[in-house]
Amino acid sequence: MTTAVATPEIGRTKAFLRLVMIEHSVFALPFAYIAALTAMFLQDAHVHWVQLLLVTVCMVGLRTFAMAANRIIDREIDARNPRTAGRELVTGAVSLRTAYTGSAVALVVFLAAAALLNPLCLALAPIAVIPMVVYPYGKRFTDFPHAILGLAQAMGPVGAWIAVTGTWSWEACVLGLAVGVWIGGFDLIFACQDVMADRADGVRSVPARFGVAKALYGARAAHVVTMLLLGWYAWLTAAGWAFWMGLAVVSAAFVYEHSIVRPGDLSRLNRAFFQVNGFVGISLFCFALLDLALRGLTL
């Protein structure tokens, strides 16, 4: 009897996690860790594990809420797009009630973790929620919803720094801006595969308005700006050679990413989006961690 009751619950949980694509936390989470660990290094050169755990809970909780909200708001658009017609809310694998419940739980978890960190985190938490909800509506009123997504993602490193120090930091703002421009840039690439469906359905984006070629040029420009901002962050935080080596690796990854996606050939778009950008976040975090360890960060 217990097994019969538990199995559907496990199935619903797995379906909800597929809905919110929980594995994509790999994109923004490493940069939150870079910000948090750098703040810890500058503060007392020690890793504070409870704070790091709460930062993780905040990031995953907020992202889960954002993805669930996105899927709920976009479910009718998704149903009309052949690429997204198989999503869980469209097929019924996840009910609307489950999606609402999951998003509410994720939001409560995010706010609770923010409250446990410090008063400023809790006070600013609602501000972080706003662009997460506005983003899915963005494609209905602007050709640049990618910028709203970038703004939403830029808050991760800023929030992680505040979580550690309880104060505002311009260094974290520069890192957050770099993350926002980076994610906005690769969202331009991702949106290229939906040009025909978006135009037919009246969904707005840079590729739908200006064409695939211009969107890809925009993504290249965004990633050049990303590298400049990451270099500025490295200079502001007096990063060592390991971090700068990480920037060289990231730069090479960007070159590869843009070499495999062309206006006339989007066949390797998913590799550019998922694999390369996942590599960018993880690799830079590893080099940043090495740099901090070499400079004296201790467990």
C-alpha atoms as a PDB file:
ATOM      1  CA  MET A   1       0.000   0.000   0.000  1.00  0.00           C
ATOM      2  CA  THR A   2       2.819   2.408   0.861  1.00  0.00           C
ATOM      3  CA  THR A   3       4.543   1.761  -2.455  1.00  0.00           C
ATOM      4  CA  ALA A   4       1.357   2.422  -4.395  1.00  0.00           C
ATOM      5  CA  VAL A   5       0.984   5.814  -2.746  1.00  0.00           C
ATOM      6  CA  ALA A   6       4.651   6.820  -2.975  1.00  0.00           C
ATOM      7  CA  THR A   7       5.190   5.977  -6.639  1.00  0.00           C
ATOM      8  CA  PRO A   8       2.829   8.632  -8.079  1.00  0.00           C
ATOM      9  CA  GLU A   9       4.394  11.230  -5.776  1.00  0.00           C
ATOM     10  CA  ILE A  10       7.873  10.315  -7.002  1.00  0.00           C
ATOM     11  CA  GLY A  11       6.622  10.465 -10.582  1.00  0.00           C
ATOM     12  CA  ARG A  12       5.114  13.909 -10.091  1.00  0.00           C
ATOM     13  CA  THR A  13       8.306  15.163  -8.479  1.00  0.00           C
ATOM     14  CA  LYS A  14      10.444  13.890 -11.350  1.00  0.00           C
ATOM     15  CA  ALA A  15       8.075  15.412 -13.889  1.00  0.00           C
ATOM     16  CA  PHE A  16       8.172  18.756 -12.078  1.00  0.00           C
ATOM     17  CA  LEU A  17      11.980  18.701 -12.016  1.00  0.00           C
ATOM     18  CA  ARG A  18      11.951  18.035 -15.762  1.00  0.00           C
ATOM     19  CA  LEU A  19       9.522  20.919 -16.169  1.00  0.00           C
ATOM     20  CA  VAL A  20      11.875  23.378 -14.464  1.00  0.00           C
ATOM     21  CA  MET A  21      15.007  21.793 -16.017  1.00  0.00           C
ATOM     22  CA  ILE A  22      16.734  21.695 -12.640  1.00  0.00           C
ATOM     23  CA  GLU A  23      20.042  20.675 -14.242  1.00  0.00           C
ATOM     24  CA  HIS A  24      20.322  24.092 -15.901  1.00  0.00           C
ATOM     25  CA  SER A  25      21.205  25.600 -12.534  1.00  0.00           C
ATOM     26  CA  VAL A  26      24.760  24.918 -13.731  1.00  0.00           C
ATOM     27  CA  PHE A  27      24.641  28.096 -15.823  1.00  0.00           C
ATOM     28  CA  ALA A  28      24.320  30.728 -13.089  1.00  0.00           C
ATOM     29  CA  LEU A  29      25.205  28.892  -9.863  1.00  0.00           C
ATOM     30  CA  PRO A  30      29.007  28.820 -10.448  1.00  0.00           C
ATOM     31  CA  PHE A  31      29.067  32.614 -10.702  1.00  0.00           C
ATOM     32  CA  ALA A  32      27.167  32.966  -7.442  1.00  0.00           C
ATOM     33  CA  TYR A  33      29.826  30.747  -5.878  1.00  0.00           C
ATOM     34  CA  ILE A  34      32.595  32.896  -7.372  1.00  0.00           C
ATOM     35  CA  ALA A  35      31.024  36.001  -5.830  1.00  0.00           C
ATOM     36  CA  ALA A  36      30.391  34.359  -2.448  1.00  0.00           C
ATOM     37  CA  LEU A  37      33.853  32.812  -2.143  1.00  0.00           C
ATOM     38  CA  THR A  38      35.590  36.004  -3.255  1.00  0.00           C
ATOM     39  CA  ALA A  39      33.639  37.949  -0.634  1.00  0.00           C
ATOM     40  CA  MET A  40      34.648  35.386   1.984  1.00  0.00           C
ATOM     41  CA  PHE A  41      38.280  35.655   0.921  1.00  0.00           C
ATOM     42  CA  LEU A  42      38.266  39.445   1.152  1.00  0.00           C
ATOM     43  CA  GLN A  43      36.437  39.317   4.482  1.00  0.00           C
ATOM     44  CA  ASP A  44      38.497  36.806   6.475  1.00  0.00           C
ATOM     45  CA  ALA A  45      39.939  34.280   3.973  1.00  0.00           C
ATOM     46  CA  HIS A  46      37.766  31.448   5.326  1.00  0.00           C
ATOM     47  CA  VAL A  47      34.965  29.479   3.666  1.00  0.00           C
ATOM     48  CA  HIS A  48      31.712  29.770   5.614  1.00  0.00           C
ATOM     49  CA  TRP A  49      29.867  26.591   4.672  1.00  0.00           C
ATOM     50  CA  VAL A  50      26.474  27.475   6.131  1.00  0.00           C
ATOM     51  CA  GLN A  51      26.387  30.707   4.146  1.00  0.00           C
ATOM     52  CA  LEU A  52      27.455  28.849   1.015  1.00  0.00           C
ATOM     53  CA  LEU A  53      24.696  26.292   1.549  1.00  0.00           C
ATOM     54  CA  LEU A  54      22.089  29.022   2.003  1.00  0.00           C
ATOM     55  CA  VAL A  55      23.330  30.777  -1.149  1.00  0.00           C
ATOM     56  CA  THR A  56      22.833  27.487  -3.000  1.00  0.00           C
ATOM     57  CA  VAL A  57      19.313  27.106  -1.616  1.00  0.00           C
ATOM     58  CA  CYS A  58      18.479  30.697  -2.601  1.00  0.00           C
ATOM     59  CA  MET A  59      19.782  30.267  -6.134  1.00  0.00           C
ATOM     60  CA  VAL A  60      18.087  26.939  -6.792  1.00  0.00           C
ATOM     61  CA  GLY A  61      14.856  28.032  -5.101  1.00  0.00           C
ATOM     62  CA  LEU A  62      14.577  31.272  -7.068  1.00  0.00           C
ATOM     63  CA  ARG A  63      15.509  29.631 -10.350  1.00  0.00           C
ATOM     64  CA  THR A  64      12.970  26.838  -9.780  1.00  0.00           C
ATOM     65  CA  PHE A  65      10.269  29.421  -9.091  1.00  0.00           C
ATOM     66  CA  ALA A  66      11.267  31.385 -12.195  1.00  0.00           C
ATOM     67  CA  MET A  67      11.206  28.345 -14.493  1.00  0.00           C
ATOM     68  CA  ALA A  68       7.864  27.142 -13.128  1.00  0.00           C
ATOM     69  CA  ALA A  69       6.377  30.619 -13.570  1.00  0.00           C
ATOM     70  CA  ASN A  70       7.789  30.757 -17.096  1.00  0.00           C
ATOM     71  CA  ARG A  71       6.215  27.425 -18.025  1.00  0.00           C
ATOM     72  CA  ILE A  72       2.860  28.387 -16.485  1.00  0.00           C
ATOM     73  CA  ILE A  73       2.702  31.767 -18.218  1.00  0.00           C
ATOM     74  CA  ASP A  74       3.919  30.425 -21.578  1.00  0.00           C
ATOM     75  CA  ARG A  75       1.936  27.182 -21.674  1.00  0.00           C
ATOM     76  CA  GLU A  76      -0.383  28.327 -24.496  1.00  0.00           C
ATOM     77  CA  ILE A  77       2.519  29.654 -26.594  1.00  0.00           C
ATOM     78  CA  ASP A  78       4.428  26.426 -25.944  1.00  0.00           C
ATOM     79  CA  ALA A  79       1.481  24.381 -27.186  1.00  0.00           C
ATOM     80  CA  ARG A  80       1.584  26.160 -30.560  1.00  0.00           C
ATOM     81  CA  ASN A  81       5.354  25.763 -31.069  1.00  0.00           C
ATOM     82  CA  PRO A  82       6.409  22.324 -32.411  1.00  0.00           C
ATOM     83  CA  ARG A  83       9.694  22.481 -30.456  1.00  0.00           C
ATOM     84  CA  THR A  84       7.976  23.057 -27.109  1.00  0.00           C
ATOM     85  CA  ALA A  85       4.718  21.175 -27.645  1.00  0.00           C
ATOM     86  CA  GLY A  86       6.138  18.236 -25.691  1.00  0.00           C
ATOM     87  CA  ARG A  87       6.687  20.216 -22.501  1.00  0.00           C
ATOM     88  CA  GLU A  88       5.109  18.758 -19.383  1.00  0.00           C
ATOM     89  CA  LEU A  89       2.374  21.356 -18.886  1.00  0.00           C
ATOM     90  CA  VAL A  90       1.322  21.019 -22.507  1.00  0.00           C
ATOM     91  CA  THR A  91       1.169  17.227 -22.520  1.00  0.00           C
ATOM     92  CA  GLY A  92      -0.370  16.975 -19.065  1.00  0.00           C
ATOM     93  CA  ALA A  93       2.599  15.148 -17.516  1.00  0.00           C
ATOM     94  CA  VAL A  94       2.524  17.952 -14.922  1.00  0.00           C
ATOM     95  CA  SER A  95      -0.805  19.439 -13.900  1.00  0.00           C
ATOM     96  CA  LEU A  96      -1.291  23.179 -13.597  1.00  0.00           C
ATOM     97  CA  ARG A  97      -2.020  22.681  -9.903  1.00  0.00           C
ATOM     98  CA  THR A  98       1.291  20.863  -9.393  1.00  0.00           C
ATOM     99  CA  ALA A  99       3.164  23.605 -11.252  1.00  0.00           C
ATOM    100  CA  TYR A 100       1.577  26.320  -9.106  1.00  0.00           C
ATOM    101  CA  THR A 101       2.265  24.355  -5.929  1.00  0.00           C
ATOM    102  CA  GLY A 102       5.881  23.677  -6.896  1.00  0.00           C
ATOM    103  CA  SER A 103       6.504  27.316  -7.784  1.00  0.00           C
ATOM    104  CA  ALA A 104       4.981  28.480  -4.482  1.00  0.00           C
ATOM    105  CA  VAL A 105       7.111  26.040  -2.479  1.00  0.00           C
ATOM    106  CA  ALA A 106      10.253  27.147  -4.343  1.00  0.00           C
ATOM    107  CA  LEU A 107       9.446  30.801  -3.652  1.00  0.00           C
ATOM    108  CA  VAL A 108       8.921  30.143   0.068  1.00  0.00           C
ATOM    109  CA  VAL A 109      12.210  28.218   0.229  1.00  0.00           C
ATOM    110  CA  PHE A 110      14.015  31.124  -1.468  1.00  0.00           C
ATOM    111  CA  LEU A 111      12.556  33.709   0.923  1.00  0.00           C
ATOM    112  CA  ALA A 112      13.246  31.549   3.971  1.00  0.00           C
ATOM    113  CA  ALA A 113      16.887  31.049   2.963  1.00  0.00           C
ATOM    114  CA  ALA A 114      17.258  34.787   2.306  1.00  0.00           C
ATOM    115  CA  ALA A 115      15.843  35.512   5.770  1.00  0.00           C
ATOM    116  CA  LEU A 116      18.368  33.157   7.361  1.00  0.00           C
ATOM    117  CA  LEU A 117      21.264  34.942   5.646  1.00  0.00           C
ATOM    118  CA  ASN A 118      20.827  38.564   6.750  1.00  0.00           C
ATOM    119  CA  PRO A 119      18.205  41.360   6.854  1.00  0.00           C
ATOM    120  CA  LEU A 120      19.422  43.021   3.642  1.00  0.00           C
ATOM    121  CA  CYS A 121      19.044  39.762   1.693  1.00  0.00           C
ATOM    122  CA  LEU A 122      15.467  39.413   2.893  1.00  0.00           C
ATOM    123  CA  ALA A 123      14.668  43.067   2.153  1.00  0.00           C
ATOM    124  CA  LEU A 124      16.014  42.788  -1.409  1.00  0.00           C
ATOM    125  CA  ALA A 125      14.571  39.329  -2.111  1.00  0.00           C
ATOM    126  CA  PRO A 126      11.264  40.620  -3.570  1.00  0.00           C
ATOM    127  CA  ILE A 127      13.225  42.776  -6.020  1.00  0.00           C
ATOM    128  CA  ALA A 128      14.969  39.650  -7.318  1.00  0.00           C
ATOM    129  CA  VAL A 129      11.585  38.000  -7.917  1.00  0.00           C
ATOM    130  CA  ILE A 130      10.159  40.770 -10.136  1.00  0.00           C
ATOM    131  CA  PRO A 131      12.220  40.210 -13.332  1.00  0.00           C
ATOM    132  CA  MET A 132      11.679  36.457 -13.008  1.00  0.00           C
ATOM    133  CA  VAL A 133       7.944  37.023 -13.453  1.00  0.00           C
ATOM    134  CA  VAL A 134       8.250  39.849 -15.983  1.00  0.00           C
ATOM    135  CA  TYR A 135      10.580  37.892 -18.310  1.00  0.00           C
ATOM    136  CA  PRO A 136       8.015  35.453 -19.783  1.00  0.00           C
ATOM    137  CA  TYR A 137       5.703  38.378 -20.497  1.00  0.00           C
ATOM    138  CA  GLY A 138       8.578  40.247 -22.162  1.00  0.00           C
ATOM    139  CA  LYS A 139       8.185  38.407 -25.463  1.00  0.00           C
ATOM    140  CA  ARG A 140       4.679  39.877 -25.636  1.00  0.00           C
ATOM    141  CA  PHE A 141       5.660  43.553 -25.455  1.00  0.00           C
ATOM    142  CA  THR A 142       9.321  43.950 -26.488  1.00  0.00           C
ATOM    143  CA  ASP A 143      11.724  42.640 -29.118  1.00  0.00           C
ATOM    144  CA  PHE A 144      14.384  42.398 -26.406  1.00  0.00           C
ATOM    145  CA  PRO A 145      13.137  39.907 -23.786  1.00  0.00           C
ATOM    146  CA  HIS A 146      16.721  38.594 -23.662  1.00  0.00           C
ATOM    147  CA  ALA A 147      17.708  41.774 -21.810  1.00  0.00           C
ATOM    148  CA  ILE A 148      15.098  41.078 -19.124  1.00  0.00           C
ATOM    149  CA  LEU A 149      16.477  37.557 -18.734  1.00  0.00           C
ATOM    150  CA  GLY A 150      19.979  39.007 -18.431  1.00  0.00           C
ATOM    151  CA  LEU A 151      18.816  41.409 -15.725  1.00  0.00           C
ATOM    152  CA  ALA A 152      17.215  38.556 -13.803  1.00  0.00           C
ATOM    153  CA  GLN A 153      20.378  36.446 -13.961  1.00  0.00           C
ATOM    154  CA  ALA A 154      22.647  39.379 -13.085  1.00  0.00           C
ATOM    155  CA  MET A 155      21.169  39.430  -9.603  1.00  0.00           C
ATOM    156  CA  GLY A 156      22.733  36.084  -8.658  1.00  0.00           C
ATOM    157  CA  PRO A 157      26.328  37.213  -8.000  1.00  0.00           C
ATOM    158  CA  VAL A 158      25.144  40.464  -6.414  1.00  0.00           C
ATOM    159  CA  GLY A 159      22.861  38.580  -4.051  1.00  0.00           C
ATOM    160  CA  ALA A 160      25.563  36.028  -3.215  1.00  0.00           C
ATOM    161  CA  TRP A 161      27.987  38.804  -2.251  1.00  0.00           C
ATOM    162  CA  ILE A 162      25.352  40.489  -0.081  1.00  0.00           C
ATOM    163  CA  ALA A 163      24.597  37.109   1.497  1.00  0.00           C
ATOM    164  CA  VAL A 164      28.181  36.922   2.765  1.00  0.00           C
ATOM    165  CA  THR A 165      28.895  40.523   3.663  1.00  0.00           C
ATOM    166  CA  GLY A 166      25.488  42.058   4.285  1.00  0.00           C
ATOM    167  CA  THR A 167      26.589  45.060   2.232  1.00  0.00           C
ATOM    168  CA  TRP A 168      26.440  46.307  -1.353  1.00  0.00           C
ATOM    169  CA  SER A 169      29.452  45.736  -3.614  1.00  0.00           C
ATOM    170  CA  TRP A 170      30.375  47.298  -6.953  1.00  0.00           C
ATOM    171  CA  GLU A 171      32.698  44.367  -7.646  1.00  0.00           C
ATOM    172  CA  ALA A 172      29.702  42.044  -7.437  1.00  0.00           C
ATOM    173  CA  CYS A 173      27.711  44.377  -9.689  1.00  0.00           C
ATOM    174  CA  VAL A 174      30.391  44.107 -12.372  1.00  0.00           C
ATOM    175  CA  LEU A 175      30.372  40.306 -12.103  1.00  0.00           C
ATOM    176  CA  GLY A 176      26.577  40.285 -12.139  1.00  0.00           C
ATOM    177  CA  LEU A 177      26.537  42.475 -15.239  1.00  0.00           C
ATOM    178  CA  ALA A 178      28.990  40.097 -16.918  1.00  0.00           C
ATOM    179  CA  VAL A 179      26.702  37.151 -16.140  1.00  0.00           C
ATOM    180  CA  GLY A 180      23.636  39.031 -17.353  1.00  0.00           C
ATOM    181  CA  VAL A 181      25.247  40.004 -20.669  1.00  0.00           C
ATOM    182  CA  TRP A 182      26.588  36.464 -21.108  1.00  0.00           C
ATOM    183  CA  ILE A 183      23.210  34.812 -20.542  1.00  0.00           C
ATOM    184  CA  GLY A 184      21.392  37.425 -22.605  1.00  0.00           C
ATOM    185  CA  GLY A 185      23.880  36.701 -25.398  1.00  0.00           C
ATOM    186  CA  PHE A 186      23.399  32.957 -25.438  1.00  0.00           C
ATOM    187  CA  ASP A 187      19.618  33.433 -25.175  1.00  0.00           C
ATOM    188  CA  LEU A 188      19.894  35.278 -28.492  1.00  0.00           C
ATOM    189  CA  ILE A 189      21.461  32.134 -29.942  1.00  0.00           C
ATOM    190  CA  PHE A 190      18.827  29.868 -28.395  1.00  0.00           C
ATOM    191  CA  ALA A 191      15.950  31.995 -29.742  1.00  0.00           C
ATOM    192  CA  CYS A 192      17.180  31.566 -33.310  1.00  0.00           C
ATOM    193  CA  GLN A 193      15.650  28.092 -33.544  1.00  0.00           C
ATOM    194  CA  ASP A 194      12.134  29.477 -32.968  1.00  0.00           C
ATOM    195  CA  VAL A 195      12.119  32.245 -35.574  1.00  0.00           C
ATOM    196  CA  MET A 196       9.432  30.767 -37.830  1.00  0.00           C
ATOM    197  CA  ALA A 197       7.152  29.722 -34.965  1.00  0.00           C
ATOM    198  CA  ASP A 198       7.606  33.053 -33.187  1.00  0.00           C
ATOM    199  CA  ARG A 199       6.780  35.087 -36.275  1.00  0.00           C
ATOM    200  CA  ALA A 200       3.716  32.978 -36.995  1.00  0.00           C
ATOM    201  CA  ASP A 201       2.496  33.320 -33.402  1.00  0.00           C
ATOM    202  CA  GLY A 202       3.398  36.970 -32.871  1.00  0.00           C
ATOM    203  CA  VAL A 203       6.034  36.153 -30.252  1.00  0.00           C
ATOM    204  CA  ARG A 204       8.675  38.867 -30.107  1.00  0.00           C
ATOM    205  CA  SER A 205      12.461  38.420 -29.965  1.00  0.00           C
ATOM    206  CA  VAL A 206      15.582  39.797 -31.631  1.00  0.00           C
ATOM    207  CA  PRO A 207      15.819  36.901 -34.147  1.00  0.00           C
ATOM    208  CA  ALA A 208      12.116  37.172 -34.989  1.00  0.00           C
ATOM    209  CA  ARG A 209      12.349  40.950 -35.503  1.00  0.00           C
ATOM    210  CA  PHE A 210      15.786  41.380 -37.054  1.00  0.00           C
ATOM    211  CA  GLY A 211      16.694  37.930 -38.373  1.00  0.00           C
ATOM    212  CA  VAL A 212      19.020  35.133 -37.358  1.00  0.00           C
ATOM    213  CA  ALA A 213      22.206  36.687 -38.749  1.00  0.00           C
ATOM    214  CA  LYS A 214      21.806  39.918 -36.788  1.00  0.00           C
ATOM    215  CA  ALA A 215      20.895  37.986 -33.646  1.00  0.00           C
ATOM    216  CA  LEU A 216      24.090  35.942 -33.913  1.00  0.00           C
ATOM    217  CA  TYR A 217      26.142  39.100 -34.423  1.00  0.00           C
ATOM    218  CA  GLY A 218      24.446  40.508 -31.337  1.00  0.00           C
ATOM    219  CA  ALA A 219      25.378  37.398 -29.368  1.00  0.00           C
ATOM    220  CA  ARG A 220      29.001  37.743 -30.447  1.00  0.00           C
ATOM    221  CA  ALA A 221      29.042  41.383 -29.347  1.00  0.00           C
ATOM    222  CA  ALA A 222      27.458  40.425 -26.015  1.00  0.00           C
ATOM    223  CA  HIS A 223      30.135  37.831 -25.347  1.00  0.00           C
ATOM    224  CA  VAL A 224      32.928  40.269 -26.183  1.00  0.00           C
ATOM    225  CA  VAL A 225      31.412  42.638 -23.614  1.00  0.00           C
ATOM    226  CA  THR A 226      31.167  39.707 -21.183  1.00  0.00           C
ATOM    227  CA  MET A 227      34.905  39.100 -21.454  1.00  0.00           C
ATOM    228  CA  LEU A 228      35.661  42.779 -20.898  1.00  0.00           C
ATOM    229  CA  LEU A 229      33.466  42.837 -17.795  1.00  0.00           C
ATOM    230  CA  LEU A 230      35.041  39.656 -16.425  1.00  0.00           C
ATOM    231  CA  GLY A 231      38.456  41.225 -16.943  1.00  0.00           C
ATOM    232  CA  TRP A 232      37.280  44.336 -15.090  1.00  0.00           C
ATOM    233  CA  TYR A 233      36.035  42.148 -12.231  1.00  0.00           C
ATOM    234  CA  ALA A 234      39.387  40.358 -12.092  1.00  0.00           C
ATOM    235  CA  TRP A 235      41.188  43.703 -11.881  1.00  0.00           C
ATOM    236  CA  LEU A 236      38.831  45.052  -9.191  1.00  0.00           C
ATOM    237  CA  THR A 237      39.351  41.978  -6.994  1.00  0.00           C
ATOM    238  CA  ALA A 238      43.116  41.751  -7.649  1.00  0.00           C
ATOM    239  CA  ALA A 239      42.718  38.254  -9.112  1.00  0.00           C
ATOM    240  CA  GLY A 240      45.822  36.173  -9.699  1.00  0.00           C
ATOM    241  CA  TRP A 241      47.173  34.316 -12.709  1.00  0.00           C
ATOM    242  CA  ALA A 242      44.816  31.337 -12.294  1.00  0.00           C
ATOM    243  CA  PHE A 243      41.727  33.486 -12.742  1.00  0.00           C
ATOM    244  CA  TRP A 244      43.223  35.171 -15.791  1.00  0.00           C
ATOM    245  CA  MET A 245      44.015  31.731 -17.211  1.00  0.00           C
ATOM    246  CA  GLY A 246      40.370  30.836 -16.661  1.00  0.00           C
ATOM    247  CA  LEU A 247      39.363  33.897 -18.673  1.00  0.00           C
ATOM    248  CA  ALA A 248      41.581  32.694 -21.516  1.00  0.00           C
ATOM    249  CA  VAL A 249      39.822  29.305 -21.448  1.00  0.00           C
ATOM    250  CA  VAL A 250      36.403  30.972 -21.420  1.00  0.00           C
ATOM    251  CA  SER A 251      37.421  33.189 -24.316  1.00  0.00           C
ATOM    252  CA  ALA A 252      38.400  30.109 -26.329  1.00  0.00           C
ATOM    253  CA  ALA A 253      35.057  28.503 -25.474  1.00  0.00           C
ATOM    254  CA  PHE A 254      33.217  31.562 -26.778  1.00  0.00           C
ATOM    255  CA  VAL A 255      35.195  31.450 -30.019  1.00  0.00           C
ATOM    256  CA  TYR A 256      34.278  27.784 -30.434  1.00  0.00           C
ATOM    257  CA  GLU A 257      30.633  28.458 -29.602  1.00  0.00           C
ATOM    258  CA  HIS A 258      30.305  31.102 -32.288  1.00  0.00           C
ATOM    259  CA  SER A 259      32.218  29.041 -34.840  1.00  0.00           C
ATOM    260  CA  ILE A 260      29.697  26.181 -34.753  1.00  0.00           C
ATOM    261  CA  VAL A 261      26.523  28.264 -35.080  1.00  0.00           C
ATOM    262  CA  ARG A 262      25.968  30.138 -38.327  1.00  0.00           C
ATOM    263  CA  PRO A 263      22.907  31.793 -39.876  1.00  0.00           C
ATOM    264  CA  GLY A 264      22.636  29.032 -42.475  1.00  0.00           C
ATOM    265  CA  ASP A 265      23.466  26.174 -40.109  1.00  0.00           C
ATOM    266  CA  LEU A 266      21.813  25.878 -36.697  1.00  0.00           C
ATOM    267  CA  SER A 267      22.293  22.120 -36.495  1.00  0.00           C
ATOM    268  CA  ARG A 268      24.762  22.431 -33.611  1.00  0.00           C
ATOM    269  CA  LEU A 269      22.826  25.082 -31.715  1.00  0.00           C
ATOM    270  CA  ASN A 270      22.023  22.805 -28.781  1.00  0.00           C
ATOM    271  CA  ARG A 271      25.714  21.940 -28.389  1.00  0.00           C
ATOM    272  CA  ALA A 272      26.551  25.645 -28.331  1.00  0.00           C
ATOM    273  CA  PHE A 273      23.778  26.422 -25.857  1.00  0.00           C
ATOM    274  CA  PHE A 274      23.919  23.550 -23.401  1.00  0.00           C
ATOM    275  CA  GLN A 275      27.427  22.105 -23.548  1.00  0.00           C
ATOM    276  CA  VAL A 276      29.574  25.166 -24.209  1.00  0.00           C
ATOM    277  CA  ASN A 277      27.769  27.502 -21.840  1.00  0.00           C
ATOM    278  CA  GLY A 278      27.711  24.868 -19.125  1.00  0.00           C
ATOM    279  CA  PHE A 279      31.457  24.505 -19.620  1.00  0.00           C
ATOM    280  CA  VAL A 280      31.934  28.283 -19.363  1.00  0.00           C
ATOM    281  CA  GLY A 281      30.397  28.494 -15.896  1.00  0.00           C
ATOM    282  CA  ILE A 282      32.006  25.379 -14.450  1.00  0.00           C
ATOM    283  CA  SER A 283      35.471  26.018 -15.859  1.00  0.00           C
ATOM    284  CA  LEU A 284      35.653  29.628 -14.707  1.00  0.00           C
ATOM    285  CA  PHE A 285      34.495  28.593 -11.243  1.00  0.00           C
ATOM    286  CA  CYS A 286      37.263  25.970 -11.056  1.00  0.00           C
ATOM    287  CA  PHE A 287      39.915  28.493 -12.053  1.00  0.00           C
ATOM    288  CA  ALA A 288      38.489  31.101  -9.664  1.00  0.00           C
ATOM    289  CA  LEU A 289      38.523  28.579  -6.824  1.00  0.00           C
ATOM    290  CA  LEU A 290      42.120  27.653  -7.626  1.00  0.00           C
ATOM    291  CA  ASP A 291      43.065  31.322  -7.666  1.00  0.00           C
ATOM    292  CA  LEU A 292      41.432  31.985  -4.300  1.00  0.00           C
ATOM    293  CA  ALA A 293      43.071  28.904  -2.785  1.00  0.00           C
ATOM    294  CA  LEU A 294      46.484  30.003  -4.048  1.00  0.00           C
ATOM    295  CA  ARG A 295      45.897  33.439  -2.554  1.00  0.00           C
ATOM    296  CA  GLY A 296      45.069  31.997   0.876  1.00  0.00           C
ATOM    297  CA  LEU A 297      41.386  31.030   1.039  1.00  0.00           C
ATOM    298  CA  THR A 298      41.079  28.219   3.573  1.00  0.00           C
ATOM    299  CA  LEU A 299      38.375  25.709   4.378  1.00  0.00           C
END
